[in-house]
Amino acid sequence: MSEHLTDATVLLNALERGSPKAAEELLELVYQELRNLATHKMAQEPPGQTLQPTALVHEAWLRLIGSQHPSFANRAHFFSAAAEAMRRILVDRARRRNTQRHGGGYQRVELTDCDLAAPQAEDQLLAVNDALEKLAQSRPALAEVVKLRYFGGRTNEEVAQILGISLATVKNYWAFARAWLLQEIKKL
């Protein structure tokens, strides 16, 4: 495990310096881990989703490495950025679908005597995203735990290792952040 961490750190440093092979080698090293994150996140999405985990990984990878000389301080920063990229991709897709559903060229039809449907998964994802952005303004460390747990599919132990904090702190942050987000979503 420590050899894997060292290799990733060396490749991240080479990538920052502009080494042409570093991105390819880094992708080979972390691809399966990124694929597992994407698979976990896609399993939480509603049925009928057209985005596949492989496509999510590739799109996130392009966002991460697409700039001329991407810079990541360490492995934790890289995986945090990967979770953030996946979150943004899923939120953007949810917004596009929501836009189409709410008036994308369709005419309004009044329906009478209809029961209201439960909120769609896209609506829930957008509500979580809005609340998370608000949390990040006041408590960025808690928001980072939420990103890694909710959007990155990481366990408490993995989050503690990635962020370099204790397991107890991660558990406390996660419990507080979940309660805070729930209250914030209720306000929306």
Protein backbone atom coordinates (compact mmCIF):
# COMPACT_ATOMS: atom_id res chain seq x y z
CA MET A 1 0.00 0.00 0.00
CA SER A 2 2.77 2.48 0.91
CA GLU A 3 4.58 1.69 -2.36
CA HIS A 4 1.34 2.52 -4.21
CA LEU A 5 1.14 5.83 -2.31
CA THR A 6 4.76 6.65 -3.10
CA ASP A 7 4.30 5.85 -6.79
CA ALA A 8 1.21 8.06 -6.94
CA THR A 9 3.03 10.92 -5.22
CA VAL A 10 6.00 10.65 -7.58
CA LEU A 11 3.70 10.59 -10.61
CA LEU A 12 1.68 13.56 -9.33
CA ASN A 13 4.92 15.54 -8.98
CA ALA A 14 6.00 14.51 -12.49
CA LEU A 15 2.60 15.48 -13.84
CA GLU A 16 2.93 18.93 -12.29
CA ARG A 17 6.32 19.34 -13.97
CA GLY A 18 4.73 18.50 -17.34
CA SER A 19 6.12 15.01 -17.87
CA PRO A 20 4.35 13.58 -20.95
CA LYS A 21 4.19 10.00 -19.64
CA ALA A 22 3.17 10.85 -16.06
CA ALA A 23 -0.55 11.22 -16.85
CA GLU A 24 -0.66 7.86 -18.61
CA GLU A 25 1.20 6.08 -15.82
CA LEU A 26 -0.90 7.78 -13.14
CA LEU A 27 -4.10 6.71 -14.88
CA GLU A 28 -2.89 3.11 -14.97
CA LEU A 29 -2.06 3.29 -11.26
CA VAL A 30 -5.32 4.84 -10.03
CA TYR A 31 -7.81 3.77 -12.71
CA GLN A 32 -9.31 0.86 -10.79
CA GLU A 33 -9.72 2.96 -7.67
CA LEU A 34 -11.43 5.73 -9.67
CA ARG A 35 -13.61 3.12 -11.40
CA ASN A 36 -14.67 1.74 -7.99
CA LEU A 37 -15.60 5.25 -6.85
CA ALA A 38 -17.65 5.83 -9.99
CA THR A 39 -19.36 2.43 -9.74
CA HIS A 40 -20.33 3.16 -6.14
CA LYS A 41 -21.70 6.58 -7.06
CA MET A 42 -23.59 5.30 -10.11
CA ALA A 43 -25.21 2.58 -7.99
CA GLN A 44 -26.86 5.40 -6.03
CA GLU A 45 -28.29 7.00 -9.16
CA PRO A 46 -31.85 6.26 -10.34
CA PRO A 47 -32.49 3.40 -12.78
CA GLY A 48 -32.36 4.25 -16.45
CA GLN A 49 -29.20 6.31 -16.07
CA THR A 50 -27.38 6.55 -19.39
CA LEU A 51 -24.03 7.48 -17.90
CA GLN A 52 -21.84 4.46 -17.18
CA PRO A 53 -19.11 4.35 -14.51
CA THR A 54 -16.39 4.11 -17.15
CA ALA A 55 -17.67 7.24 -18.87
CA LEU A 56 -17.86 9.04 -15.52
CA VAL A 57 -14.22 8.13 -14.77
CA HIS A 58 -13.08 9.24 -18.23
CA GLU A 59 -14.96 12.55 -18.06
CA ALA A 60 -13.65 13.22 -14.55
CA TRP A 61 -10.12 12.32 -15.70
CA LEU A 62 -10.35 14.80 -18.57
CA ARG A 63 -11.47 17.51 -16.18
CA LEU A 64 -8.63 16.71 -13.77
CA ILE A 65 -5.83 16.41 -16.30
CA GLY A 66 -7.25 18.64 -19.04
CA SER A 67 -5.37 21.75 -17.99
CA GLN A 68 -1.84 22.33 -19.22
CA HIS A 69 -0.03 21.48 -15.99
CA PRO A 70 -2.44 20.23 -13.33
CA SER A 71 -1.15 20.55 -9.79
CA PHE A 72 -2.03 18.23 -6.91
CA ALA A 73 -0.36 18.61 -3.55
CA ASN A 74 -0.60 14.91 -2.74
CA ARG A 75 -2.67 11.77 -3.21
CA ALA A 76 -5.40 13.06 -0.87
CA HIS A 77 -5.71 16.25 -2.91
CA PHE A 78 -5.91 14.22 -6.14
CA PHE A 79 -8.71 11.95 -4.89
CA SER A 80 -10.53 14.91 -3.38
CA ALA A 81 -10.36 16.64 -6.76
CA ALA A 82 -11.57 13.44 -8.45
CA ALA A 83 -14.58 13.23 -6.12
CA GLU A 84 -15.31 16.90 -6.77
CA ALA A 85 -15.07 16.39 -10.54
CA MET A 86 -17.49 13.44 -10.38
CA ARG A 87 -19.85 15.50 -8.23
CA ARG A 88 -19.83 18.37 -10.71
CA ILE A 89 -20.43 16.03 -13.66
CA LEU A 90 -23.42 14.40 -11.96
CA VAL A 91 -24.82 17.75 -10.82
CA ASP A 92 -24.44 19.21 -14.33
CA ARG A 93 -26.25 16.22 -15.82
CA ALA A 94 -29.02 16.50 -13.22
CA ARG A 95 -29.43 20.21 -14.00
CA ARG A 96 -29.64 19.52 -17.75
CA ARG A 97 -32.24 16.82 -17.21
CA ASN A 98 -34.14 19.02 -14.79
CA THR A 99 -34.13 21.87 -17.32
CA GLN A 100 -35.58 19.62 -20.00
CA ARG A 101 -38.18 18.26 -17.63
CA HIS A 102 -39.24 21.73 -16.49
CA GLY A 103 -40.16 23.38 -19.75
CA GLY A 104 -37.60 22.31 -22.32
CA GLY A 105 -39.82 23.24 -25.29
CA TYR A 106 -42.96 21.55 -23.99
CA GLN A 107 -46.34 23.19 -23.61
CA ARG A 108 -47.94 23.46 -20.21
CA VAL A 109 -50.88 21.14 -19.62
CA GLU A 110 -53.10 21.48 -16.55
CA LEU A 111 -53.82 18.19 -14.82
CA THR A 112 -56.61 17.99 -12.31
CA ASP A 113 -57.17 15.44 -9.58
CA CYS A 114 -53.57 14.19 -9.70
CA ASP A 115 -51.44 13.21 -6.74
CA LEU A 116 -48.05 14.82 -6.40
CA ALA A 117 -45.11 12.59 -7.20
CA ALA A 118 -42.15 12.08 -4.89
CA PRO A 119 -39.11 14.24 -5.64
CA GLN A 120 -36.91 12.97 -8.44
CA ALA A 121 -33.37 11.82 -7.78
CA GLU A 122 -32.05 14.80 -9.76
CA ASP A 123 -33.94 17.17 -7.47
CA GLN A 124 -32.43 15.47 -4.43
CA LEU A 125 -28.92 15.61 -5.92
CA LEU A 126 -29.31 19.32 -6.67
CA ALA A 127 -30.61 19.99 -3.14
CA VAL A 128 -27.64 18.14 -1.62
CA ASN A 129 -25.28 20.07 -3.89
CA ASP A 130 -26.76 23.45 -2.95
CA ALA A 131 -26.62 22.62 0.76
CA LEU A 132 -23.07 21.28 0.39
CA GLU A 133 -21.90 24.50 -1.26
CA LYS A 134 -23.36 26.46 1.65
CA LEU A 135 -21.63 24.14 4.16
CA ALA A 136 -18.31 24.53 2.31
CA GLN A 137 -18.43 28.30 2.84
CA SER A 138 -18.61 28.01 6.62
CA ARG A 139 -17.00 24.62 7.32
CA PRO A 140 -14.80 23.44 4.45
CA ALA A 141 -13.39 20.44 6.35
CA LEU A 142 -16.88 19.03 6.91
CA ALA A 143 -17.77 19.62 3.26
CA GLU A 144 -14.65 17.72 2.21
CA VAL A 145 -15.72 14.72 4.31
CA VAL A 146 -19.17 14.83 2.70
CA LYS A 147 -17.69 14.97 -0.81
CA LEU A 148 -15.47 11.98 -0.16
CA ARG A 149 -18.23 9.96 1.59
CA TYR A 150 -21.28 10.88 -0.49
CA PHE A 151 -19.81 11.61 -3.91
CA GLY A 152 -16.57 9.65 -3.63
CA GLY A 153 -18.06 6.53 -2.04
CA ARG A 154 -15.27 6.34 0.53
CA THR A 155 -15.55 4.71 3.95
CA ASN A 156 -14.80 6.58 7.17
CA GLU A 157 -11.45 4.81 7.39
CA GLU A 158 -10.51 5.80 3.82
CA VAL A 159 -11.55 9.40 4.41
CA ALA A 160 -9.44 9.54 7.58
CA GLN A 161 -6.44 8.22 5.66
CA ILE A 162 -6.94 10.54 2.67
CA LEU A 163 -7.42 13.67 4.78
CA GLY A 164 -4.87 12.71 7.42
CA ILE A 165 -7.27 13.05 10.35
CA SER A 166 -8.43 10.61 12.98
CA LEU A 167 -11.26 8.15 12.42
CA ALA A 168 -13.15 9.65 15.37
CA THR A 169 -12.92 13.11 13.79
CA VAL A 170 -14.24 11.78 10.48
CA LYS A 171 -17.17 10.11 12.26
CA ASN A 172 -17.97 13.31 14.16
CA TYR A 173 -17.71 15.46 11.01
CA TRP A 174 -19.87 13.00 9.04
CA ALA A 175 -22.59 12.85 11.73
CA PHE A 176 -22.67 16.62 12.14
CA ALA A 177 -22.59 17.30 8.38
CA ARG A 178 -25.44 14.84 7.68
CA ALA A 179 -27.63 16.48 10.32
CA TRP A 180 -26.71 19.97 9.12
CA LEU A 181 -27.39 19.09 5.47
CA LEU A 182 -30.73 17.51 6.32
CA GLN A 183 -31.82 20.69 8.13
CA GLU A 184 -30.57 22.85 5.28
CA ILE A 185 -32.35 20.76 2.63
CA LYS A 186 -35.61 21.04 4.57
CA LYS A 187 -35.30 24.83 4.28
CA LEU A 188 -34.95 24.71 0.49
